[in-house]
Every structure is written in C-alpha cells, then in structure tokens.
Amino acid sequence: MGKVWSLRGRLTAVILVPLLLVAALVGIWQLKNARQTATDVFDKSLLAAALAVANDVAISGGDALSPRTGDILSDTSGGRVFYHVYAPDGVIVAGYATPPVGIPPPNEEASAPNYFEATYLGRPVHGVRLQNRTQIDGFTGVFTTTVWQEASVRAAFVRDLLLRSLLAIAGLILAVAIIVWFGVRLGLRPLIDLETAIASRNSDELSPIQRPVPDEVGGIVATLNRLFGQVTRSMAAQSEFISNAAHQLKNPIAGVLSLAEAVKASPDWDASQRRSADLLEAARETANLSQKLLFLERAKAISPEAVMQSVDMDEAFRAWQDELSRTSEAGPSVTFQSTAYLGSMNGDETMIHEALRNLVDNALRHGGPELTEVHVSADRGPREMVIAVSDNGVGLTTEQILEARERFRPVAATSGSGLGVSIAEAVAYAHNGTLEFLPRDRGLKVQLRLSLGDS
C-alpha cells in the first residue's frame, strides 16, 4: 500500500501547489512586462538623447554638445550612449566615426523616429535614427542623427527588474508556506483532542462523544456516535441472547443427563427401552433448540453477499412445497399456491426456507384443536415478494402477537422454543422487508414481505 500523506502535508500541498502555479504565471507575465517596460524606457531615453544631440548640433554647427547633453549620453538608463550626425551629402558632422553595422538605410524626409537593432564593434546594440530638416553653417537639408546603446544594458535592466519581482513572489510564497504549515497545525488541534477522546473509548465505555468539534468533522463524530450506539445495542443484545440461551439450554440438558442416568439405572430391558425413548425425545428437543439458536444467529448476521445472490423463486417454491405440504384425514393439511410467475429475486434461499418452515411449524403447533388447514401462498409485487402463511385455527390476540415476537417465549405457554417468529423477523429484516401478523375472524395470517432488490 502506498504512503499516505499527513493531513497537514495534504493541506499545505493543496494550498501551495496552486499558489506556485499562479506564481509561475505571474513570473511569465512579469518577464513580458519587464521587457516591454525596458523597451519603453530605453526607447524614450534614446529618443531624448537623439533630440538633444540634434538640437545641440544645429545650434553649435556640430562643434560641441552642451554639458546637459553630455550627461545624457554618458548615463542614459544606466549605460553609455553613442551617436553620430550626418549631413545630407553623407559627410559626418559630429559624433563617432564608426557607425553600427546593419542600420536600415534612411528614408528621405522621414519624420518619425526609426528604432533599430544592429551590431557595433561586434556587440549587439539598440538605437534610434532621427531625420530632420535644419540649417547648419548656411547649409540646409535633411540631417540624420543616430543614437545607439549596447543591448546588454537593456538586458541587465530586465534581469534586475525580473529578479526583484521574483524575490518578492518567493518571499510571499515562503511566508504563506510558513503560515499554512503552523496554521494547519493549530487548526488540527481539535482533531488531536478528538483522537484522544476516541482512544479513551473501550468495550466498557462506548458513550457518545460530546465535546465541541469543528463543523467539518461534525459528520464524522455523528457517525462515530451512531456506531458506538449500534455496538452498544449489539453487545447488549448479544449478552441478553447468551444469557437467555444459557437459561433455555440448561433445563433440556439437565433433562437429558437425568434421563441418561435413568436409562443406566433401569432395572430391566423394558424399563430401559421406555426411558431410552424419553431420552431420545429430550435429545431431539435439545438439538432442535440448539439448531434454532444457530439459525437465529445466522439470520441476524446474513451477509450482504448472501442477500445479493439470485434465487429462482418458482423452483424454490416447488421444492418447499414438496417438503412441507401434506394432506391427512387425521390432521390439518398444508397446501401451497403461487402466482403463475414468481421470477427471481436477490436473497438467501436457505434462510427464507427456514423462515417459512418456522411459520408453518408455528401454525401447526399453535392452531389449536380446531385447525384443519394451513395454506401457504406466494405473490410477486412490483417491489417485493410476499409469502403468506394462513390457518383456520384459534388465531392470536394482540397480546399474544406481542408475546410471539419475544424470544424464548412460546405463545400461551405452549411447547416450542419461542424462536420461530424471531428467526422469520430476522430474515425479513436482512432482506429489507417486514413480518406482519394479520388476525382474522377465524385463524391467523402471517405475511413475510421481502424486498426484490436489484433482481
């Protein structure tokens, strides 16, 4: 299994990764902006220098530049500026004799400044060419003033401007990272307190967590409290079940032991045979009770995988009919009837069979002397499968129905384990259904309703 990041690390990454992405985009934008700013600043500086040179040359006839113009040329935007001025006939009037290589040829009577990139003494330069009509020493025409500066000066300006911006962004990100790291630690303190509260719980202490928690973990705490409640109820039910089971099995086991001793102490063969028959019957009752206890526990713990198995209800119903149906002149008959097509459903066939067996057994056991018929029917609805067991016996009162739903409590003190209804209810619950008792004028109808699920 891969490494799981801490919550603090995840939150820090969630905050810082987008921030770094934004910082990268800002850095790219700042680089373009720095280049544009350098272009604007240096072009304006070069144009100012060109205008100053052209003005001084026109005034002095090319003999000298004013101190102010000299200062501009010596330190324009942090670097030295070179220049020269040509007369209309191509004769140099002032400036450096060696011009840059690659300057575009001048346009006659061009009035707008012409910015260019060229090479001067083997180094790249940026410059501007300015043409204006003037008169120097009585000679009138278009004079060309060219001013240039090494490109490295402009590049250094861009680097410095970008570096300052990146340092500011990096400082901001570092500050945010520190704040987030320690801020998340402070913010997670309630979770550490919650962890302590959970760690203090054990099998003897499953009380709900009552301490205040942040809204973001309120759902987790509510879920834990529900889980604690479910575990508490489950443990209480399990403890009650074990206590009841031990109490119910105590008497049958004691009876089996007593009968076994009686068989051993039988004075003759006939007495031994009679007592052996009683012992066998007691052993069967004990085995039946034990089996029902196991079925009840299995019904309460039906796995989701078992409930999701597809069951052919037509085939299953025929198998149950073959096993449980009977017709007898001396006793009640058990008949089966189903709709033309039951189809399939998702469920645990074994446990549905056991629930039906217990309902039929209860009807035969508690129907009374007037019972003549037990009828089992099955019908498929839009969302549920309904299996009904009806009889024409004495029926049950409301109080007796409540007794029948309690474990280990046979109705009206009749024989039996008192677990049949509990098993059927557990099977219904596991299939998202219900068990309904419907008293009638004569007899009782019990309906086992099972959800069809995604059949």
Protein backbone atom coordinates (compact mmCIF):
# COMPACT_ATOMS: atom_id res chain seq x y z
CA MET A 1 0.00 0.00 0.00
CA GLY A 2 1.35 3.42 -0.96
CA LYS A 3 2.42 6.04 1.52
CA VAL A 4 -0.41 8.17 2.90
CA TRP A 5 0.38 11.83 3.37
CA SER A 6 -0.40 13.54 6.63
CA LEU A 7 -3.40 15.85 6.70
CA ARG A 8 -1.10 18.80 7.30
CA GLY A 9 1.03 17.86 4.31
CA ARG A 10 -2.05 17.45 2.11
CA LEU A 11 -3.50 20.81 3.12
CA THR A 12 -0.14 22.50 2.63
CA ALA A 13 0.21 20.92 -0.82
CA VAL A 14 -3.36 21.80 -1.77
CA ILE A 15 -2.69 25.45 -0.90
CA LEU A 16 0.88 25.81 -2.13
CA VAL A 17 0.68 23.93 -5.44
CA PRO A 18 -1.95 26.28 -6.92
CA LEU A 19 -0.06 29.20 -5.42
CA LEU A 20 3.16 28.08 -7.12
CA LEU A 21 1.28 27.71 -10.39
CA VAL A 22 -0.08 31.22 -10.05
CA ALA A 23 3.42 32.45 -9.15
CA ALA A 24 4.81 30.84 -12.32
CA LEU A 25 2.14 32.52 -14.44
CA VAL A 26 2.84 35.83 -12.70
CA GLY A 27 6.56 35.33 -13.34
CA ILE A 28 5.96 34.78 -17.06
CA TRP A 29 3.71 37.83 -17.18
CA GLN A 30 6.30 39.87 -15.25
CA LEU A 31 9.03 38.83 -17.71
CA LYS A 32 6.98 40.08 -20.64
CA ASN A 33 6.08 43.18 -18.70
CA ALA A 34 9.74 43.83 -17.79
CA ARG A 35 10.79 43.50 -21.41
CA GLN A 36 8.05 45.88 -22.51
CA THR A 37 8.94 48.32 -19.74
CA ALA A 38 12.63 48.21 -20.69
CA THR A 39 11.75 48.80 -24.33
CA ASP A 40 9.58 51.81 -23.46
CA VAL A 41 12.10 53.29 -21.01
CA PHE A 42 15.18 52.80 -23.19
CA ASP A 43 13.46 53.89 -26.41
CA LYS A 44 12.30 57.10 -24.77
CA SER A 45 15.79 57.68 -23.33
CA LEU A 46 17.41 57.11 -26.73
CA LEU A 47 14.90 59.43 -28.41
CA ALA A 48 15.56 62.12 -25.79
CA ALA A 49 19.29 61.74 -26.37
CA ALA A 50 18.81 61.94 -30.16
CA LEU A 51 16.71 65.09 -29.87
CA ALA A 52 19.28 66.69 -27.53
CA VAL A 53 22.15 65.85 -29.90
CA ALA A 54 20.27 67.13 -32.95
CA ASN A 55 19.42 70.38 -31.14
CA ASP A 56 22.99 70.99 -29.95
CA VAL A 57 24.44 70.23 -33.39
CA ALA A 58 22.01 72.66 -35.00
CA ILE A 59 22.94 75.39 -32.52
CA SER A 60 26.71 74.86 -32.46
CA GLY A 61 27.16 73.73 -36.02
CA GLY A 62 28.49 70.39 -34.79
CA ASP A 63 31.35 71.92 -32.86
CA ALA A 64 30.26 71.00 -29.33
CA LEU A 65 27.50 69.49 -27.22
CA SER A 66 26.10 71.12 -24.13
CA PRO A 67 27.05 69.68 -20.70
CA ARG A 68 23.44 68.58 -20.19
CA THR A 69 23.51 66.58 -23.43
CA GLY A 70 26.85 65.09 -22.43
CA ASP A 71 25.37 63.88 -19.18
CA ILE A 72 22.52 62.25 -21.07
CA LEU A 73 24.90 60.47 -23.40
CA SER A 74 27.18 59.25 -20.63
CA ASP A 75 24.49 57.71 -18.43
CA THR A 76 21.20 57.10 -20.19
CA SER A 77 19.24 54.41 -18.32
CA GLY A 78 22.40 53.13 -16.70
CA GLY A 79 24.67 52.82 -19.75
CA ARG A 80 26.75 54.94 -22.15
CA VAL A 81 25.14 56.19 -25.36
CA PHE A 82 26.95 56.59 -28.71
CA TYR A 83 25.92 58.95 -31.52
CA HIS A 84 26.79 60.49 -34.86
CA VAL A 85 25.22 63.11 -37.14
CA TYR A 86 25.37 63.03 -40.95
CA ALA A 87 24.79 65.92 -43.34
CA PRO A 88 22.59 65.48 -46.42
CA ASP A 89 25.65 64.77 -48.52
CA GLY A 90 26.78 61.91 -46.21
CA VAL A 91 29.55 63.87 -44.50
CA ILE A 92 29.77 63.28 -40.76
CA VAL A 93 29.03 66.42 -38.82
CA ALA A 94 29.59 65.18 -35.27
CA GLY A 95 29.95 62.00 -33.20
CA TYR A 96 31.68 58.69 -33.60
CA ALA A 97 33.17 57.93 -36.98
CA THR A 98 32.38 54.21 -36.92
CA PRO A 99 28.65 53.60 -37.16
CA PRO A 100 26.86 50.36 -36.19
CA VAL A 101 26.58 47.63 -38.80
CA GLY A 102 23.10 46.75 -40.02
CA ILE A 103 21.31 50.07 -39.63
CA PRO A 104 18.44 50.34 -42.10
CA PRO A 105 19.05 52.97 -44.82
CA PRO A 106 17.42 56.34 -44.12
CA ASN A 107 14.24 57.39 -45.82
CA GLU A 108 14.27 60.80 -47.43
CA GLU A 109 12.20 63.33 -45.48
CA ALA A 110 11.28 60.67 -42.83
CA SER A 111 9.88 62.49 -39.81
CA ALA A 112 9.15 59.63 -37.36
CA PRO A 113 11.93 58.08 -35.24
CA ASN A 114 13.25 54.79 -36.66
CA TYR A 115 14.27 52.30 -33.96
CA PHE A 116 16.65 49.52 -34.94
CA GLU A 117 18.88 46.66 -33.79
CA ALA A 118 22.41 46.41 -35.14
CA THR A 119 26.00 45.48 -34.25
CA TYR A 120 28.65 47.90 -33.00
CA LEU A 121 32.25 46.69 -32.64
CA GLY A 122 31.00 43.11 -32.55
CA ARG A 123 28.39 43.71 -29.83
CA PRO A 124 24.60 43.95 -30.33
CA VAL A 125 23.10 47.38 -29.86
CA HIS A 126 19.70 49.06 -29.85
CA GLY A 127 19.33 52.51 -31.36
CA VAL A 128 17.17 55.16 -32.93
CA ARG A 129 17.60 57.17 -36.13
CA LEU A 130 16.06 60.63 -36.34
CA GLN A 131 15.90 62.70 -39.53
CA ASN A 132 15.02 66.38 -39.51
CA ARG A 133 15.42 69.31 -41.87
CA THR A 134 17.66 72.03 -40.48
CA GLN A 135 20.37 74.55 -41.44
CA ILE A 136 23.95 74.27 -40.28
CA ASP A 137 26.61 76.78 -41.36
CA GLY A 138 24.37 78.04 -44.15
CA PHE A 139 23.72 74.56 -45.49
CA THR A 140 20.08 73.48 -45.43
CA GLY A 141 18.82 69.91 -45.79
CA VAL A 142 17.84 66.68 -44.04
CA PHE A 143 20.34 65.83 -41.33
CA THR A 144 20.41 62.29 -39.88
CA THR A 145 21.05 61.82 -36.15
CA THR A 146 21.76 58.23 -34.97
CA VAL A 147 21.98 57.27 -31.28
CA TRP A 148 22.65 53.74 -30.01
CA GLN A 149 23.41 51.79 -26.85
CA GLU A 150 24.66 48.28 -26.11
CA ALA A 151 21.88 45.69 -25.77
CA SER A 152 23.48 44.26 -22.62
CA VAL A 153 22.46 47.36 -20.70
CA ARG A 154 18.83 46.79 -21.53
CA ALA A 155 19.12 43.04 -20.74
CA ALA A 156 20.68 43.83 -17.35
CA PHE A 157 17.77 46.16 -16.61
CA VAL A 158 15.28 43.41 -17.48
CA ARG A 159 17.12 40.87 -15.32
CA ASP A 160 17.25 43.24 -12.37
CA LEU A 161 13.57 44.11 -12.65
CA LEU A 162 12.57 40.45 -13.01
CA LEU A 163 14.82 39.34 -10.15
CA ARG A 164 13.26 41.85 -7.80
CA SER A 165 9.80 40.67 -8.75
CA LEU A 166 10.73 37.01 -8.32
CA LEU A 167 12.31 37.68 -4.93
CA ALA A 168 9.13 39.41 -3.81
CA ILE A 169 6.97 36.49 -5.06
CA ALA A 170 9.29 33.90 -3.47
CA GLY A 171 9.23 35.76 -0.17
CA LEU A 172 5.45 35.88 -0.28
CA ILE A 173 5.19 32.14 -1.04
CA LEU A 174 7.65 31.30 1.75
CA ALA A 175 5.67 33.41 4.19
CA VAL A 176 2.44 31.74 3.11
CA ALA A 177 4.05 28.28 3.43
CA ILE A 178 5.20 29.00 6.98
CA ILE A 179 1.83 30.43 7.93
CA VAL A 180 0.00 27.47 6.38
CA TRP A 181 2.27 24.87 8.00
CA PHE A 182 1.93 26.23 11.50
CA GLY A 183 -1.63 27.45 10.94
CA VAL A 184 -2.75 23.98 9.89
CA ARG A 185 -1.09 22.57 12.99
CA LEU A 186 -3.10 24.94 15.16
CA GLY A 187 -6.22 24.27 13.10
CA LEU A 188 -5.85 20.49 13.54
CA ARG A 189 -5.61 20.70 17.32
CA PRO A 190 -9.35 19.89 17.73
CA LEU A 191 -8.75 16.70 15.70
CA ILE A 192 -5.94 15.71 18.09
CA ASP A 193 -8.32 16.25 21.01
CA LEU A 194 -10.92 14.17 19.16
CA GLU A 195 -8.36 11.39 18.66
CA THR A 196 -7.71 11.40 22.40
CA ALA A 197 -11.43 11.15 23.10
CA ILE A 198 -11.80 8.21 20.69
CA ALA A 199 -8.72 6.46 22.09
CA SER A 200 -10.22 6.62 25.56
CA ARG A 201 -13.19 4.50 24.44
CA ASN A 202 -13.15 0.75 25.01
CA SER A 203 -15.58 -2.14 25.15
CA ASP A 204 -16.74 -0.98 28.60
CA GLU A 205 -17.02 2.70 27.69
CA LEU A 206 -18.80 3.47 24.44
CA SER A 207 -20.62 6.63 25.47
CA PRO A 208 -21.17 9.26 22.73
CA ILE A 209 -18.51 11.92 22.17
CA GLN A 210 -19.95 15.19 23.50
CA ARG A 211 -17.01 17.61 23.09
CA PRO A 212 -17.33 20.53 20.62
CA VAL A 213 -15.72 19.83 17.25
CA PRO A 214 -15.32 21.86 14.01
CA ASP A 215 -18.19 21.74 11.56
CA GLU A 216 -16.02 19.88 9.03
CA VAL A 217 -15.71 16.82 11.32
CA GLY A 218 -19.17 17.05 12.84
CA GLY A 219 -20.41 14.38 10.43
CA ILE A 220 -17.55 12.04 11.41
CA VAL A 221 -18.34 12.45 15.11
CA ALA A 222 -22.06 11.91 14.49
CA THR A 223 -21.24 8.72 12.54
CA LEU A 224 -18.94 7.50 15.31
CA ASN A 225 -21.61 8.19 17.92
CA ARG A 226 -24.13 6.21 15.87
CA LEU A 227 -21.59 3.39 15.55
CA PHE A 228 -20.94 3.45 19.31
CA GLY A 229 -24.70 3.27 19.87
CA GLN A 230 -25.08 0.36 17.45
CA VAL A 231 -22.17 -1.51 19.02
CA THR A 232 -23.58 -0.88 22.50
CA ARG A 233 -27.00 -2.16 21.49
CA SER A 234 -25.48 -5.11 19.67
CA MET A 235 -23.36 -6.05 22.67
CA ALA A 236 -26.37 -5.71 24.97
CA ALA A 237 -28.48 -7.86 22.64
CA GLN A 238 -25.68 -10.41 22.36
CA SER A 239 -25.30 -10.53 26.13
CA GLU A 240 -29.06 -10.93 26.56
CA PHE A 241 -29.15 -13.64 23.90
CA ILE A 242 -26.33 -15.61 25.52
CA SER A 243 -28.00 -15.30 28.91
CA ASN A 244 -31.35 -16.45 27.55
CA ALA A 245 -29.78 -19.24 25.50
CA ALA A 246 -27.90 -20.50 28.54
CA HIS A 247 -31.10 -20.40 30.56
CA GLN A 248 -33.11 -22.19 27.85
CA LEU A 249 -30.50 -24.89 27.30
CA LYS A 250 -29.94 -25.52 30.99
CA ASN A 251 -33.20 -27.36 31.58
CA PRO A 252 -33.12 -29.56 28.43
CA ILE A 253 -29.51 -30.52 29.04
CA ALA A 254 -30.29 -31.31 32.67
CA GLY A 255 -33.23 -33.42 31.49
CA VAL A 256 -31.04 -35.30 29.02
CA LEU A 257 -28.49 -36.04 31.73
CA SER A 258 -31.21 -37.15 34.13
CA LEU A 259 -32.77 -39.47 31.55
CA ALA A 260 -29.37 -40.87 30.64
CA GLU A 261 -28.76 -41.72 34.27
CA ALA A 262 -32.24 -43.27 34.46
CA VAL A 263 -31.51 -45.44 31.42
CA LYS A 264 -28.29 -46.58 33.02
CA ALA A 265 -30.11 -47.42 36.26
CA SER A 266 -33.01 -49.23 34.57
CA PRO A 267 -33.90 -52.47 36.41
CA ASP A 268 -34.81 -54.39 33.27
CA TRP A 269 -34.81 -54.25 29.48
CA ASP A 270 -38.38 -52.95 29.11
CA ALA A 271 -37.78 -50.07 31.51
CA SER A 272 -34.55 -49.28 29.71
CA GLN A 273 -36.35 -49.12 26.37
CA ARG A 274 -39.06 -46.80 27.72
CA ARG A 275 -36.52 -44.49 29.30
CA SER A 276 -34.39 -44.60 26.14
CA ALA A 277 -37.37 -43.36 24.11
CA ASP A 278 -37.83 -40.49 26.56
CA LEU A 279 -34.09 -39.75 26.36
CA LEU A 280 -34.23 -39.70 22.55
CA GLU A 281 -37.16 -37.29 22.57
CA ALA A 282 -35.39 -34.98 25.04
CA ALA A 283 -32.22 -35.09 22.95
CA ARG A 284 -34.21 -34.19 19.83
CA GLU A 285 -35.81 -31.21 21.59
CA THR A 286 -32.39 -30.04 22.77
CA ALA A 287 -30.93 -30.45 19.29
CA ASN A 288 -33.89 -28.59 17.79
CA LEU A 289 -33.42 -25.72 20.25
CA SER A 290 -29.69 -25.58 19.51
CA GLN A 291 -30.35 -25.61 15.77
CA LYS A 292 -32.86 -22.78 16.08
CA LEU A 293 -30.37 -20.75 18.12
CA LEU A 294 -27.82 -21.20 15.35
CA PHE A 295 -30.37 -20.27 12.68
CA LEU A 296 -31.34 -17.15 14.63
CA GLU A 297 -27.73 -16.01 14.86
CA ARG A 298 -27.21 -16.76 11.18
CA ALA A 299 -30.37 -14.83 10.27
CA LYS A 300 -29.16 -11.82 12.26
CA ALA A 301 -25.79 -11.93 10.50
CA ILE A 302 -26.81 -12.61 6.90
CA SER A 303 -24.01 -11.19 4.78
CA PRO A 304 -24.68 -8.66 2.00
CA GLU A 305 -23.11 -11.14 -0.43
CA ALA A 306 -25.67 -13.81 0.52
CA VAL A 307 -28.57 -11.36 0.15
CA MET A 308 -27.32 -10.42 -3.33
CA GLN A 309 -27.46 -14.00 -4.66
CA SER A 310 -30.12 -14.59 -7.30
CA VAL A 311 -32.87 -17.03 -6.24
CA ASP A 312 -35.26 -18.68 -8.69
CA MET A 313 -38.42 -18.37 -6.58
CA ASP A 314 -40.53 -20.64 -8.81
CA GLU A 315 -38.09 -23.50 -8.37
CA ALA A 316 -37.57 -22.75 -4.67
CA PHE A 317 -41.32 -22.62 -4.01
CA ARG A 318 -41.82 -26.01 -5.67
CA ALA A 319 -39.05 -27.50 -3.52
CA TRP A 320 -40.63 -26.09 -0.35
CA GLN A 321 -44.00 -27.44 -1.41
CA ASP A 322 -42.59 -30.94 -1.88
CA GLU A 323 -41.05 -30.83 1.60
CA LEU A 324 -43.76 -29.14 3.68
CA SER A 325 -47.09 -29.93 2.03
CA ARG A 326 -49.18 -32.76 3.39
CA THR A 327 -52.76 -33.99 3.30
CA SER A 328 -54.08 -36.15 6.13
CA GLU A 329 -57.52 -37.15 7.29
CA ALA A 330 -56.32 -37.28 10.89
CA GLY A 331 -54.75 -33.82 10.97
CA PRO A 332 -54.52 -30.44 9.30
CA SER A 333 -53.39 -30.25 5.69
CA VAL A 334 -50.67 -27.94 4.39
CA THR A 335 -51.32 -26.63 0.89
CA PHE A 336 -49.32 -24.35 -1.40
CA GLN A 337 -50.39 -21.89 -4.08
CA SER A 338 -48.43 -19.27 -6.01
CA THR A 339 -48.99 -16.86 -8.87
CA ALA A 340 -48.21 -18.00 -12.40
CA TYR A 341 -44.73 -16.49 -12.35
CA LEU A 342 -42.67 -15.57 -9.29
CA GLY A 343 -39.47 -14.96 -11.18
CA SER A 344 -36.19 -14.39 -9.38
CA MET A 345 -35.06 -12.18 -6.53
CA ASN A 346 -31.88 -11.41 -4.66
CA GLY A 347 -31.71 -13.15 -1.31
CA ASP A 348 -30.54 -16.02 0.89
CA GLU A 349 -32.62 -19.03 -0.17
CA THR A 350 -31.65 -21.18 2.83
CA MET A 351 -32.76 -18.57 5.36
CA ILE A 352 -36.01 -17.77 3.50
CA HIS A 353 -36.73 -21.52 3.56
CA GLU A 354 -36.02 -21.64 7.30
CA ALA A 355 -38.30 -18.64 7.96
CA LEU A 356 -41.14 -20.33 6.03
CA ARG A 357 -40.55 -23.65 7.82
CA ASN A 358 -40.86 -21.90 11.21
CA LEU A 359 -44.04 -20.06 10.22
CA VAL A 360 -45.67 -23.30 9.05
CA ASP A 361 -44.50 -25.09 12.21
CA ASN A 362 -45.94 -22.31 14.39
CA ALA A 363 -49.26 -22.52 12.58
CA LEU A 364 -49.44 -26.30 13.14
CA ARG A 365 -48.23 -26.04 16.74
CA HIS A 366 -50.44 -23.19 17.93
CA GLY A 367 -53.54 -23.56 15.72
CA GLY A 368 -55.45 -25.48 18.37
CA PRO A 369 -57.75 -28.47 18.04
CA GLU A 370 -59.98 -26.67 15.52
CA LEU A 371 -57.14 -26.29 12.99
CA THR A 372 -57.83 -28.16 9.75
CA GLU A 373 -55.81 -26.28 7.12
CA VAL A 374 -52.57 -24.31 6.74
CA HIS A 375 -52.27 -22.52 3.42
CA VAL A 376 -49.01 -21.12 2.01
CA SER A 377 -49.18 -18.61 -0.83
CA ALA A 378 -46.59 -16.57 -2.70
CA ASP A 379 -47.12 -13.49 -4.82
CA ARG A 380 -44.74 -11.16 -6.63
CA GLY A 381 -45.41 -7.42 -6.38
CA PRO A 382 -43.69 -4.51 -8.10
CA ARG A 383 -41.10 -4.13 -5.35
CA GLU A 384 -41.48 -7.10 -3.02
CA MET A 385 -42.13 -10.81 -2.76
CA VAL A 386 -44.93 -11.69 -0.34
CA ILE A 387 -45.03 -15.18 1.23
CA ALA A 388 -48.12 -15.70 3.40
CA VAL A 389 -48.97 -18.49 5.83
CA SER A 390 -52.70 -18.63 6.72
CA ASP A 391 -54.55 -21.01 9.02
CA ASN A 392 -58.10 -21.53 10.28
CA GLY A 393 -57.13 -22.24 13.86
CA VAL A 394 -57.80 -20.32 17.07
CA GLY A 395 -55.67 -17.36 15.99
CA LEU A 396 -53.81 -14.96 18.26
CA THR A 397 -54.87 -11.94 20.25
CA THR A 398 -52.93 -8.66 20.13
CA GLU A 399 -51.23 -9.53 23.42
CA GLN A 400 -50.30 -12.98 22.14
CA ILE A 401 -48.83 -11.46 18.95
CA LEU A 402 -46.60 -9.26 21.11
CA GLU A 403 -45.56 -12.36 23.08
CA ALA A 404 -44.83 -14.25 19.85
CA ARG A 405 -42.36 -11.52 18.79
CA GLU A 406 -40.34 -12.04 22.00
CA ARG A 407 -37.54 -14.59 22.06
CA PHE A 408 -37.78 -17.76 24.15
CA ARG A 409 -41.44 -17.10 24.96
CA PRO A 410 -43.82 -19.70 23.49
CA VAL A 411 -47.33 -18.37 22.94
CA ALA A 412 -49.75 -19.18 25.79
CA ALA A 413 -47.13 -21.43 27.41
CA THR A 414 -47.36 -23.99 24.61
CA SER A 415 -44.45 -26.21 23.68
CA GLY A 416 -41.70 -24.93 21.42
CA SER A 417 -38.51 -22.88 21.59
CA GLY A 418 -40.10 -19.47 21.16
CA LEU A 419 -37.59 -18.61 18.40
CA GLY A 420 -39.57 -19.27 15.20
CA VAL A 421 -41.00 -15.77 14.89
CA SER A 422 -37.65 -14.18 15.83
CA ILE A 423 -35.94 -16.13 13.05
CA ALA A 424 -38.59 -15.10 10.49
CA GLU A 425 -38.31 -11.44 11.58
CA ALA A 426 -34.52 -11.51 11.32
CA VAL A 427 -34.76 -12.97 7.80
CA ALA A 428 -37.27 -10.29 6.78
CA TYR A 429 -35.07 -7.52 8.19
CA ALA A 430 -31.98 -8.86 6.38
CA HIS A 431 -33.95 -8.66 3.11
CA ASN A 432 -35.20 -5.10 3.81
CA GLY A 433 -38.66 -6.45 4.49
CA THR A 434 -41.15 -6.94 7.30
CA LEU A 435 -43.09 -9.66 9.09
CA GLU A 436 -46.78 -8.85 9.53
CA PHE A 437 -49.43 -10.55 11.70
CA LEU A 438 -52.97 -10.18 10.36
CA PRO A 439 -55.64 -11.57 12.75
CA ARG A 440 -58.82 -12.84 11.09
CA ASP A 441 -62.27 -13.86 12.27
CA ARG A 442 -61.03 -17.41 12.24
CA GLY A 443 -57.35 -18.16 12.33
CA LEU A 444 -54.30 -16.04 11.59
CA LYS A 445 -52.40 -14.81 8.54
CA VAL A 446 -48.68 -14.07 8.72
CA GLN A 447 -47.01 -12.30 5.78
CA LEU A 448 -43.28 -12.41 5.12
CA ARG A 449 -42.54 -9.40 2.88
CA LEU A 450 -39.13 -9.45 1.17
CA SER A 451 -37.69 -6.66 -0.96
CA LEU A 452 -36.90 -7.75 -4.50
CA GLY A 453 -33.72 -5.71 -4.56
CA ASP A 454 -31.90 -5.49 -7.92
CA SER A 455 -33.15 -8.86 -9.15
